[in-house]
Amino acid sequence: MYLDLETIERLLSHRFKEGFIPLSELPHPFTLYGMQRAVSRIVEAVRKRQKIALVGDYDVDGVISTALMCDFFEALNYPIEAVIPNRFSDGYGISEKVIERLDSPDLIITVDNGIGAHKAARLAKERGIDLIITDHHLPSERLPDAYAIVDPKQVACDFSYEDICGAQVAWYLIAALRKALDCAFDLKEALSLVAIAVIADMMPLRGINRTMVERGLALLSCSNRFFVQAYKAYREIDRFESEQIAFWLAPLLNSAGRIADAQEALAFIRAKSISEATEALQRLVSYNEERKALESRITQEALSMLDATRSVAVLADASWHEGVVGIVASRVARKSKKPTLILCEDKEGNLKGSGRSNGSCHLFRLLQEAEDLLVGFGGHRAAVGLRLKKSHLEDLSDRLDDAYASGAFDDSLDEEYTLGLLAFETIDERLMALLRRFEPYGTGNAKPHFVTEDVEVLSAKRVGKEQAHLKLFVRHGSRAFDAIAFSCDQTPQVGQRIVLRYSLSLNRFRGNETIQLLIDEIL
């Protein structure tokens, strides 16, 4: 039975039983545990003109969090030292090595990292440096010995929404500091950056996340920031949608930290002229091309190593590039439909890498079942980072497989991915308007996908670089639409009848908008 508009609306509305939260009803900053203590110490440091250092992270969330804090202190006209650790020379987040190279700060603030930094916290305390940790990753039972910790996932915190990203925690810290320091900082405009981080870090787009992203995307689309102008010109777009962030901008920003240094992504976001932004963008594009080549090769190698008898894919190769193991894990998890860990070798001869979840698996909790085998790990439901000795690799694989088989790590976000059968006669402006009402789509609010059977192929051709994509013109009943399948190795014949699973989008070209099908699969 084909879906009608009323049924589609009911299915989508079911995702938002709590309704849509207006911006005016966001939780108060001080409902985050540790916020008052953190704000009081930062205000004291500013008033006493003490040295403040900021330590971020090399992924998109960390870069955006760092940019937000830099923007705030710039608006305050207060100098700070901002550092994003280098993935290759520093490792992840604040560490003893990072503290050693800071310029004798009185206060260190972390963003999007630090919840597992016990050694760094101990060193800071020994040197009389106050450490404020702001993070969103899951803590272990023992917290670092820091001056203050602001993390919605710590046990003591009763903030209404646990699943927020590091940039949102930073935004809330700024919101509290703005009032305490009487700073004219535009919190709403800052949501244009926050939206990028929420989408890139795969936070569920419900509750306050949806509210902040919806407003943030609108503000980003009309932003005067130079990086926005440069990116719009490069991509030939006039507005931002969640998919534009997830599939284009986020990988571009991540490429700097994966291939070279995330400071270059920060320089792009905070560019002070269009020429500066354009030059930084060109460097990111170059890094991204290098990243894609590495990723493609390693993904194929990893897929060839999959063991069909395993429920969790734990794959390792000493030669794999550290900068792309996370995105390879994502690709392999999606293709294999298994939680996946991709590991390479570090300078000490240990294994390190990243993991990505699949379906309803809470990957961080799964990894906790093998905590005794790991040198260290951290992350959240969808993504983790870890390090272990080579000798523990097989034991890790066995332990995770057994734990996953128990079924105790199901943490479904109720992803109604495919809504059902749809007739082409229902695809029109009314349906597109209905779908727009429930945007932005992403993690926790999957973009609606549909299936149509008995679709006639009117034309088919290969397009794109190396003819990797398939472009179709297809008909069902009396209506026909353009359709495209990216990275598709199938080419149906003209006149062939096929079954399609797809989502819908508006193709904008020279001021005209047409509905097109984005094919997931030819069934």
Protein backbone atom coordinates (compact mmCIF):
# COMPACT_ATOMS: atom_id res chain seq x y z
CA MET A 1 0.00 0.00 0.00
CA TYR A 2 1.39 3.36 -1.02
CA LEU A 3 2.02 6.14 1.50
CA ASP A 4 -0.11 9.29 1.39
CA LEU A 5 0.76 12.73 2.78
CA GLU A 6 -1.25 12.21 5.95
CA THR A 7 0.55 8.97 6.77
CA ILE A 8 3.98 10.48 6.08
CA GLU A 9 3.19 13.42 8.37
CA ARG A 10 2.04 11.06 11.12
CA LEU A 11 5.21 8.94 10.85
CA LEU A 12 7.49 11.97 11.02
CA SER A 13 5.53 13.62 13.82
CA HIS A 14 5.95 10.45 15.89
CA ARG A 15 9.68 11.21 16.10
CA PHE A 16 8.99 14.45 17.97
CA LYS A 17 6.55 13.47 20.70
CA GLU A 18 7.97 16.24 22.88
CA GLY A 19 7.32 18.80 20.13
CA PHE A 20 9.77 21.35 18.80
CA ILE A 21 11.65 23.36 21.42
CA PRO A 22 11.84 27.14 20.78
CA LEU A 23 15.20 28.86 21.15
CA SER A 24 13.84 30.84 24.10
CA GLU A 25 13.34 27.61 26.05
CA LEU A 26 16.90 26.26 25.89
CA PRO A 27 18.11 25.07 29.31
CA HIS A 28 19.99 27.63 31.43
CA PRO A 29 23.83 27.41 31.33
CA PHE A 30 24.11 26.95 35.08
CA THR A 31 22.06 23.77 34.96
CA LEU A 32 25.28 22.17 33.69
CA TYR A 33 27.12 20.79 36.72
CA GLY A 34 30.43 22.57 37.34
CA MET A 35 29.48 25.62 35.26
CA GLN A 36 29.30 28.05 38.18
CA ARG A 37 32.74 27.05 39.46
CA ALA A 38 34.23 27.22 35.96
CA VAL A 39 32.76 30.66 35.27
CA SER A 40 33.89 32.07 38.63
CA ARG A 41 37.48 30.95 37.98
CA ILE A 42 37.58 32.33 34.43
CA VAL A 43 36.11 35.66 35.57
CA GLU A 44 38.78 35.82 38.30
CA ALA A 45 41.52 35.12 35.74
CA VAL A 46 40.27 37.87 33.42
CA ARG A 47 39.98 40.43 36.21
CA LYS A 48 43.46 39.62 37.51
CA ARG A 49 44.89 39.60 33.95
CA GLN A 50 46.17 36.05 34.37
CA LYS A 51 47.44 33.92 31.48
CA ILE A 52 44.74 31.71 29.98
CA ALA A 53 45.46 28.81 27.62
CA LEU A 54 42.84 27.00 25.55
CA VAL A 55 43.33 23.40 24.41
CA GLY A 56 41.03 22.03 21.70
CA ASP A 57 40.82 18.92 19.55
CA TYR A 58 41.65 18.16 15.92
CA ASP A 59 38.21 17.05 14.71
CA VAL A 60 35.44 19.39 13.48
CA ASP A 61 33.79 19.62 16.90
CA GLY A 62 37.11 20.49 18.52
CA VAL A 63 38.02 23.06 15.86
CA ILE A 64 34.61 24.74 16.08
CA SER A 65 34.74 24.72 19.91
CA THR A 66 38.16 26.37 19.75
CA ALA A 67 36.94 28.94 17.22
CA LEU A 68 33.96 29.84 19.42
CA MET A 69 36.14 30.41 22.48
CA CYS A 70 38.67 32.41 20.45
CA ASP A 71 35.85 34.56 19.05
CA PHE A 72 34.55 35.21 22.56
CA PHE A 73 37.89 36.24 24.05
CA GLU A 74 38.55 38.38 20.99
CA ALA A 75 35.22 40.15 21.57
CA LEU A 76 36.30 40.57 25.19
CA ASN A 77 39.62 41.97 23.92
CA TYR A 78 41.47 39.53 26.15
CA PRO A 79 44.53 37.66 24.76
CA ILE A 80 44.66 33.87 25.20
CA GLU A 81 46.93 31.12 23.95
CA ALA A 82 44.91 28.70 21.80
CA VAL A 83 46.35 25.29 20.90
CA ILE A 84 44.91 22.40 18.95
CA PRO A 85 47.14 19.35 19.54
CA ASN A 86 48.62 17.78 16.43
CA ARG A 87 47.31 14.27 15.86
CA PHE A 88 50.75 12.93 14.89
CA SER A 89 53.12 14.70 17.28
CA ASP A 90 50.87 15.40 20.28
CA GLY A 91 48.15 12.78 20.18
CA TYR A 92 44.61 13.40 21.32
CA GLY A 93 43.55 16.26 23.59
CA ILE A 94 45.32 17.77 26.56
CA SER A 95 48.34 15.78 27.67
CA GLU A 96 51.56 16.24 29.61
CA LYS A 97 53.31 16.93 26.30
CA VAL A 98 50.85 19.71 25.43
CA ILE A 99 51.14 21.31 28.87
CA GLU A 100 54.93 21.35 28.51
CA ARG A 101 54.73 23.53 25.41
CA LEU A 102 52.22 26.05 26.77
CA ASP A 103 53.52 29.46 27.78
CA SER A 104 53.29 29.11 31.58
CA PRO A 105 49.53 29.66 31.91
CA ASP A 106 47.73 30.28 35.18
CA LEU A 107 44.57 28.65 33.83
CA ILE A 108 43.94 26.04 31.15
CA ILE A 109 40.50 25.50 29.59
CA THR A 110 39.85 22.45 27.46
CA VAL A 111 37.10 22.21 24.85
CA ASP A 112 35.81 18.91 23.43
CA ASN A 113 38.44 16.92 25.35
CA GLY A 114 39.92 16.23 28.75
CA ILE A 115 37.40 13.97 30.49
CA GLY A 116 39.96 11.16 30.54
CA ALA A 117 43.10 13.30 30.99
CA HIS A 118 44.17 12.09 34.45
CA LYS A 119 47.93 12.48 33.89
CA ALA A 120 47.58 15.97 32.43
CA ALA A 121 45.35 17.04 35.31
CA ARG A 122 47.89 15.75 37.81
CA LEU A 123 50.75 17.64 36.11
CA ALA A 124 48.72 20.84 35.96
CA LYS A 125 48.00 20.61 39.68
CA GLU A 126 51.66 19.97 40.51
CA ARG A 127 52.58 23.15 38.63
CA GLY A 128 49.89 25.27 40.26
CA ILE A 129 47.86 25.57 37.05
CA ASP A 130 44.08 25.48 37.42
CA LEU A 131 42.48 23.20 34.86
CA ILE A 132 38.89 23.57 33.66
CA ILE A 133 37.69 20.66 31.54
CA THR A 134 34.75 21.16 29.19
CA ASP A 135 33.87 18.02 27.29
CA HIS A 136 30.94 15.86 26.19
CA HIS A 137 32.51 12.44 26.00
CA LEU A 138 31.61 9.65 28.41
CA PRO A 139 33.72 9.69 31.58
CA SER A 140 35.02 6.64 33.40
CA GLU A 141 34.09 6.09 37.03
CA ARG A 142 37.03 8.21 38.21
CA LEU A 143 37.19 11.81 36.99
CA PRO A 144 40.42 13.78 36.45
CA ASP A 145 41.52 15.92 39.42
CA ALA A 146 40.65 19.25 37.77
CA TYR A 147 39.56 22.60 39.20
CA ALA A 148 36.20 22.25 37.45
CA ILE A 149 34.60 19.82 35.00
CA VAL A 150 31.68 20.71 32.75
CA ASP A 151 30.42 17.62 30.96
CA PRO A 152 26.72 16.69 30.64
CA LYS A 153 27.59 13.00 30.85
CA GLN A 154 29.19 13.10 34.31
CA VAL A 155 27.05 11.40 36.95
CA ALA A 156 26.58 14.56 39.03
CA CYS A 157 25.10 16.50 36.10
CA ASP A 158 21.33 16.65 35.66
CA PHE A 159 21.33 18.79 32.50
CA SER A 160 18.20 18.00 30.50
CA TYR A 161 20.01 16.85 27.36
CA GLU A 162 22.98 14.51 27.70
CA ASP A 163 23.75 14.03 24.00
CA ILE A 164 25.24 17.39 23.06
CA CYS A 165 28.62 18.02 21.42
CA GLY A 166 31.70 19.84 22.67
CA ALA A 167 30.86 23.03 20.77
CA GLN A 168 27.47 23.19 22.51
CA VAL A 169 29.18 22.89 25.91
CA ALA A 170 31.56 25.68 24.83
CA TRP A 171 28.60 27.79 23.65
CA TYR A 172 26.92 27.35 27.03
CA LEU A 173 30.15 28.34 28.80
CA ILE A 174 30.30 31.48 26.65
CA ALA A 175 26.64 32.21 27.41
CA ALA A 176 27.43 32.14 31.13
CA LEU A 177 30.66 34.15 30.77
CA ARG A 178 29.03 36.73 28.49
CA LYS A 179 26.71 37.86 31.26
CA ALA A 180 29.32 37.59 34.03
CA LEU A 181 31.84 39.69 32.07
CA ASP A 182 29.29 42.00 30.41
CA CYS A 183 30.61 41.16 26.93
CA ALA A 184 28.72 42.14 23.77
CA PHE A 185 29.03 38.73 22.11
CA ASP A 186 26.36 37.58 19.65
CA LEU A 187 25.25 34.20 20.99
CA LYS A 188 22.69 33.66 18.25
CA GLU A 189 25.20 34.29 15.47
CA ALA A 190 27.55 31.82 17.17
CA LEU A 191 24.95 29.11 16.51
CA SER A 192 26.05 29.25 12.86
CA LEU A 193 29.27 27.55 14.00
CA VAL A 194 27.59 25.31 16.57
CA ALA A 195 25.35 23.81 13.85
CA ILE A 196 28.43 22.63 11.94
CA ALA A 197 29.78 20.82 15.00
CA VAL A 198 26.48 19.18 15.99
CA ILE A 199 26.04 17.71 12.51
CA ALA A 200 29.70 16.73 12.06
CA ASP A 201 29.81 15.00 15.46
CA MET A 202 26.65 13.02 14.65
CA MET A 203 24.60 14.26 17.59
CA PRO A 204 20.91 13.21 17.51
CA LEU A 205 18.91 15.99 15.84
CA ARG A 206 16.14 16.11 18.39
CA GLY A 207 15.41 18.30 21.39
CA ILE A 208 17.76 21.26 21.75
CA ASN A 209 20.10 19.87 19.09
CA ARG A 210 17.41 20.27 16.44
CA THR A 211 16.59 23.77 17.69
CA MET A 212 20.20 24.94 17.63
CA VAL A 213 20.96 23.38 14.25
CA GLU A 214 17.81 24.68 12.59
CA ARG A 215 18.58 28.26 13.66
CA GLY A 216 22.30 27.80 13.08
CA LEU A 217 21.88 26.65 9.47
CA ALA A 218 19.67 29.64 8.69
CA LEU A 219 22.26 31.99 10.18
CA LEU A 220 25.13 30.19 8.43
CA SER A 221 23.41 30.58 5.07
CA CYS A 222 23.39 34.38 5.40
CA SER A 223 26.61 34.74 7.41
CA ASN A 224 29.16 37.39 6.56
CA ARG A 225 32.03 35.28 7.84
CA PHE A 226 34.74 35.11 5.21
CA PHE A 227 35.06 31.32 5.32
CA VAL A 228 31.35 31.06 4.49
CA GLN A 229 31.73 33.36 1.49
CA ALA A 230 34.75 31.43 0.22
CA TYR A 231 33.06 28.06 0.70
CA LYS A 232 29.83 29.16 -1.00
CA ALA A 233 31.81 30.34 -4.02
CA TYR A 234 33.79 27.09 -4.14
CA ARG A 235 30.72 24.85 -3.91
CA GLU A 236 28.46 27.19 -5.93
CA ILE A 237 25.70 27.13 -3.32
CA ASP A 238 23.55 29.85 -1.81
CA ARG A 239 22.47 28.16 1.41
CA PHE A 240 23.47 25.42 3.83
CA GLU A 241 21.56 22.24 4.62
CA SER A 242 22.55 19.47 7.00
CA GLU A 243 23.71 17.19 4.17
CA GLN A 244 25.96 19.94 2.81
CA ILE A 245 27.68 20.01 6.20
CA ALA A 246 27.83 16.24 6.71
CA PHE A 247 29.09 15.22 3.28
CA TRP A 248 31.12 18.22 2.12
CA LEU A 249 32.13 20.84 4.69
CA ALA A 250 32.82 18.52 7.64
CA PRO A 251 35.18 16.19 5.69
CA LEU A 252 36.95 19.26 4.32
CA LEU A 253 37.53 20.67 7.80
CA ASN A 254 38.54 17.28 9.16
CA SER A 255 41.09 16.77 6.41
CA ALA A 256 43.56 19.26 7.93
CA GLY A 257 43.79 17.31 11.19
CA ARG A 258 43.91 13.99 9.34
CA ILE A 259 46.70 14.91 6.92
CA ALA A 260 48.57 17.90 8.37
CA ASP A 261 47.47 20.09 11.31
CA ALA A 262 43.99 21.13 12.46
CA GLN A 263 45.28 24.66 13.10
CA GLU A 264 44.79 25.14 9.35
CA ALA A 265 41.08 24.37 9.66
CA LEU A 266 40.89 26.84 12.55
CA ALA A 267 42.65 29.46 10.39
CA PHE A 268 40.02 28.90 7.68
CA ILE A 269 37.08 29.28 10.07
CA ARG A 270 38.58 32.44 11.63
CA ALA A 271 39.89 34.02 8.41
CA LYS A 272 39.87 37.83 8.52
CA SER A 273 39.57 38.43 4.76
CA ILE A 274 38.16 36.71 1.70
CA SER A 275 41.66 36.21 0.28
CA GLU A 276 42.85 34.62 3.52
CA ALA A 277 39.80 32.34 3.56
CA THR A 278 40.23 31.39 -0.10
CA GLU A 279 43.90 30.51 0.36
CA ALA A 280 43.11 28.43 3.45
CA LEU A 281 40.29 26.69 1.59
CA GLN A 282 42.61 25.75 -1.27
CA ARG A 283 44.94 24.07 1.21
CA LEU A 284 42.03 22.17 2.77
CA VAL A 285 40.85 21.02 -0.65
CA SER A 286 44.34 19.67 -1.35
CA TYR A 287 44.43 17.83 1.98
CA ASN A 288 40.97 16.44 1.31
CA GLU A 289 41.99 15.02 -2.06
CA GLU A 290 44.95 13.32 -0.40
CA ARG A 291 42.66 12.06 2.35
CA LYS A 292 40.19 10.59 -0.16
CA ALA A 293 42.92 8.70 -1.99
CA LEU A 294 44.28 7.21 1.24
CA GLU A 295 40.80 6.43 2.51
CA SER A 296 39.76 4.66 -0.69
CA ARG A 297 42.83 2.41 -0.72
CA ILE A 298 42.67 1.52 2.99
CA THR A 299 38.91 0.94 2.90
CA GLN A 300 39.33 -1.65 0.14
CA GLU A 301 42.14 -3.33 2.07
CA ALA A 302 40.04 -3.39 5.25
CA LEU A 303 36.96 -4.78 3.48
CA SER A 304 39.06 -7.61 2.08
CA MET A 305 40.05 -8.58 5.65
CA LEU A 306 36.49 -8.89 7.00
CA ASP A 307 35.67 -12.13 8.79
CA ALA A 308 32.06 -13.12 8.08
CA THR A 309 31.93 -15.11 11.35
CA ARG A 310 32.57 -12.01 13.47
CA SER A 311 29.81 -9.67 14.68
CA VAL A 312 32.31 -6.87 15.42
CA ALA A 313 34.99 -6.02 12.85
CA VAL A 314 38.40 -5.45 14.48
CA LEU A 315 40.89 -4.83 11.67
CA ALA A 316 44.55 -3.80 11.96
CA ASP A 317 47.49 -3.07 9.68
CA ALA A 318 50.71 -1.39 10.76
CA SER A 319 50.98 0.53 7.48
CA TRP A 320 47.58 2.22 7.57
CA HIS A 321 47.56 6.01 7.87
CA GLU A 322 46.54 7.22 11.32
CA GLY A 323 44.75 10.26 9.93
CA VAL A 324 42.07 8.31 8.06
CA VAL A 325 41.33 5.31 10.28
CA GLY A 326 38.21 6.99 11.67
CA ILE A 327 36.60 7.60 8.32
CA VAL A 328 37.65 4.14 7.09
CA ALA A 329 35.92 2.68 10.15
CA SER A 330 32.79 4.58 9.18
CA ARG A 331 32.90 3.28 5.60
CA VAL A 332 33.52 -0.31 6.65
CA ALA A 333 30.80 -0.19 9.34
CA ARG A 334 28.28 1.04 6.77
CA LYS A 335 29.23 -1.56 4.14
CA SER A 336 29.60 -4.50 6.53
CA LYS A 337 26.71 -3.47 8.80
CA LYS A 338 28.96 -4.23 11.78
CA PRO A 339 30.47 -2.09 14.55
CA THR A 340 34.03 -1.55 13.30
CA LEU A 341 37.44 -0.77 14.78
CA ILE A 342 40.26 0.21 12.40
CA LEU A 343 43.75 0.17 13.92
CA CYS A 344 47.22 1.21 12.80
CA GLU A 345 50.62 1.25 14.52
CA ASP A 346 51.88 4.19 16.61
CA LYS A 347 55.48 5.31 17.24
CA GLU A 348 55.80 3.04 20.29
CA GLY A 349 54.77 -0.03 18.34
CA ASN A 350 51.32 -0.22 19.91
CA LEU A 351 48.04 -0.26 18.00
CA LYS A 352 45.84 2.83 17.94
CA GLY A 353 42.79 3.75 15.97
CA SER A 354 39.13 4.59 15.80
CA GLY A 355 35.81 2.82 15.89
CA ARG A 356 32.40 3.58 14.45
CA SER A 357 29.08 2.11 15.46
CA ASN A 358 26.51 0.48 13.27
CA GLY A 359 22.77 0.47 13.86
CA SER A 360 21.84 0.46 17.52
CA CYS A 361 25.19 -0.53 19.05
CA HIS A 362 26.45 1.79 21.81
CA LEU A 363 30.11 1.45 20.90
CA PHE A 364 31.60 3.16 23.96
CA ARG A 365 29.71 0.86 26.34
CA LEU A 366 30.71 -2.15 24.26
CA LEU A 367 34.38 -1.13 24.53
CA GLN A 368 34.06 -0.84 28.30
CA GLU A 369 33.68 -4.63 28.34
CA ALA A 370 37.32 -4.88 27.23
CA GLU A 371 38.71 -1.94 29.19
CA ASP A 372 41.37 -4.12 30.89
CA LEU A 373 42.87 -4.92 27.46
CA LEU A 374 43.24 -1.28 26.44
CA VAL A 375 45.97 1.26 27.14
CA GLY A 376 43.30 3.93 26.82
CA PHE A 377 40.04 4.76 25.07
CA GLY A 378 37.31 7.38 24.90
CA GLY A 379 34.32 8.48 22.88
CA HIS A 380 30.57 8.13 22.83
CA ARG A 381 27.74 6.06 21.37
CA ALA A 382 28.67 6.40 17.71
CA ALA A 383 32.45 6.81 17.73
CA VAL A 384 35.47 5.86 19.84
CA GLY A 385 39.23 6.21 19.86
CA LEU A 386 41.47 3.57 21.45
CA ARG A 387 45.00 2.30 21.99
CA LEU A 388 46.20 -1.22 22.90
CA LYS A 389 49.23 -3.48 22.82
CA LYS A 390 49.58 -5.68 19.73
CA SER A 391 49.54 -8.79 21.88
CA HIS A 392 45.97 -7.99 22.99
CA LEU A 393 44.48 -7.68 19.49
CA GLU A 394 43.01 -11.18 19.22
CA ASP A 395 41.73 -11.10 22.80
CA LEU A 396 40.05 -7.76 22.10
CA SER A 397 38.31 -9.14 19.03
CA ASP A 398 37.08 -12.21 20.94
CA ARG A 399 35.91 -10.17 23.93
CA LEU A 400 33.96 -7.65 21.83
CA ASP A 401 32.37 -10.39 19.74
CA ASP A 402 31.17 -12.24 22.84
CA ALA A 403 29.93 -9.03 24.48
CA TYR A 404 28.05 -7.91 21.37
CA ALA A 405 26.38 -11.30 21.08
CA SER A 406 24.84 -10.75 24.52
CA GLY A 407 22.67 -7.99 23.06
CA ALA A 408 23.30 -5.69 26.04
CA PHE A 409 24.55 -2.78 23.96
CA ASP A 410 21.40 -1.88 22.05
CA ASP A 411 20.83 1.87 22.29
CA SER A 412 18.52 2.50 19.36
CA LEU A 413 17.71 6.04 18.31
CA ASP A 414 14.51 4.78 16.66
CA GLU A 415 15.74 5.53 13.16
CA GLU A 416 12.71 5.21 10.86
CA TYR A 417 14.99 5.16 7.84
CA THR A 418 12.67 3.84 5.13
CA LEU A 419 9.11 5.08 5.59
CA GLY A 420 7.50 2.76 3.04
CA LEU A 421 6.24 2.46 -0.53
CA LEU A 422 5.70 5.71 -2.45
CA ALA A 423 4.05 6.35 -5.80
CA PHE A 424 5.62 9.00 -8.02
CA GLU A 425 2.20 10.71 -8.20
CA THR A 426 2.66 11.70 -4.53
CA ILE A 427 6.02 13.39 -5.22
CA ASP A 428 5.25 17.08 -5.65
CA GLU A 429 5.69 20.49 -4.00
CA ARG A 430 3.27 19.57 -1.20
CA LEU A 431 5.35 16.55 -0.21
CA MET A 432 8.58 18.57 -0.34
CA ALA A 433 7.03 21.26 1.88
CA LEU A 434 5.95 18.57 4.35
CA LEU A 435 9.45 17.07 4.46
CA ARG A 436 10.98 20.53 5.04
CA ARG A 437 8.86 20.96 8.19
CA PHE A 438 10.83 18.21 9.91
CA GLU A 439 14.30 19.38 8.89
CA PRO A 440 17.16 19.32 9.69
CA TYR A 441 17.70 15.62 9.10
CA GLY A 442 20.61 13.60 10.38
CA THR A 443 21.49 11.34 13.30
CA GLY A 444 18.40 10.68 15.42
CA ASN A 445 16.13 12.20 12.78
CA ALA A 446 16.94 10.22 9.67
CA LYS A 447 16.09 11.74 6.33
CA PRO A 448 12.96 9.95 5.04
CA HIS A 449 13.67 7.32 2.43
CA PHE A 450 11.12 5.62 0.22
CA VAL A 451 10.79 2.57 -1.99
CA THR A 452 9.10 2.54 -5.40
CA GLU A 453 8.61 -0.67 -7.35
CA ASP A 454 8.16 -1.23 -11.08
CA VAL A 455 10.13 1.89 -12.06
CA GLU A 456 10.88 2.17 -15.77
CA VAL A 457 14.35 3.35 -16.85
CA LEU A 458 13.96 5.96 -19.60
CA SER A 459 17.65 6.85 -19.79
CA ALA A 460 20.88 5.87 -18.03
CA LYS A 461 24.39 7.26 -18.20
CA ARG A 462 27.61 7.30 -16.21
CA VAL A 463 28.76 10.71 -14.93
CA GLY A 464 31.39 12.31 -12.72
CA LYS A 465 35.07 11.67 -12.16
CA GLU A 466 36.03 8.25 -13.51
CA GLN A 467 32.34 7.71 -14.38
CA ALA A 468 31.73 6.68 -10.77
CA HIS A 469 28.13 7.92 -10.55
CA LEU A 470 24.92 6.84 -12.27
CA LYS A 471 22.37 9.33 -13.61
CA LEU A 472 18.90 8.07 -14.54
CA PHE A 473 15.64 9.44 -15.87
CA VAL A 474 12.91 7.17 -14.51
CA ARG A 475 9.14 6.85 -14.71
CA HIS A 476 6.48 5.34 -12.50
CA GLY A 477 2.88 5.67 -13.51
CA SER A 478 2.45 8.97 -15.37
CA ARG A 479 5.31 10.89 -13.69
CA ALA A 480 9.05 10.89 -14.38
CA PHE A 481 12.03 12.30 -12.46
CA ASP A 482 15.78 12.66 -12.69
CA ALA A 483 17.62 10.37 -10.29
CA ILE A 484 21.26 10.00 -9.30
CA ALA A 485 23.18 7.27 -7.50
CA PHE A 486 26.62 8.25 -6.20
CA SER A 487 29.47 5.72 -6.29
CA CYS A 488 27.23 3.17 -7.96
CA ASP A 489 28.62 0.27 -9.99
CA GLN A 490 25.25 -0.76 -11.47
CA THR A 491 23.98 0.49 -14.86
CA PRO A 492 20.44 -0.69 -15.69
CA GLN A 493 19.33 -0.88 -19.30
CA VAL A 494 16.87 1.53 -20.91
CA GLY A 495 13.41 -0.01 -20.68
CA GLN A 496 14.34 -2.14 -17.68
CA ARG A 497 11.94 -2.26 -14.71
CA ILE A 498 13.67 -1.74 -11.37
CA VAL A 499 12.97 -1.19 -7.66
CA LEU A 500 14.47 1.93 -6.10
CA ARG A 501 15.15 2.98 -2.52
CA TYR A 502 15.79 6.72 -2.42
CA SER A 503 15.39 10.06 -0.70
CA LEU A 504 14.16 13.30 -2.27
CA SER A 505 15.99 16.56 -2.80
CA LEU A 506 15.64 19.83 -4.67
CA ASN A 507 18.17 20.30 -7.41
CA ARG A 508 18.95 24.01 -7.74
CA PHE A 509 20.47 25.13 -11.04
CA ARG A 510 20.57 28.67 -12.43
CA GLY A 511 17.68 29.80 -10.28
CA ASN A 512 15.45 26.84 -11.08
CA GLU A 513 14.43 24.11 -8.65
CA THR A 514 13.47 20.59 -9.68
CA ILE A 515 12.75 17.53 -7.58
CA GLN A 516 15.23 14.70 -7.98
CA LEU A 517 15.67 11.25 -6.48
CA LEU A 518 18.87 10.47 -4.55
CA ILE A 519 19.18 6.72 -4.99
CA ASP A 520 20.44 4.62 -2.07
CA GLU A 521 20.03 1.29 -3.72
CA ILE A 522 18.73 -0.39 -6.84
CA LEU A 523 17.01 -3.44 -5.35
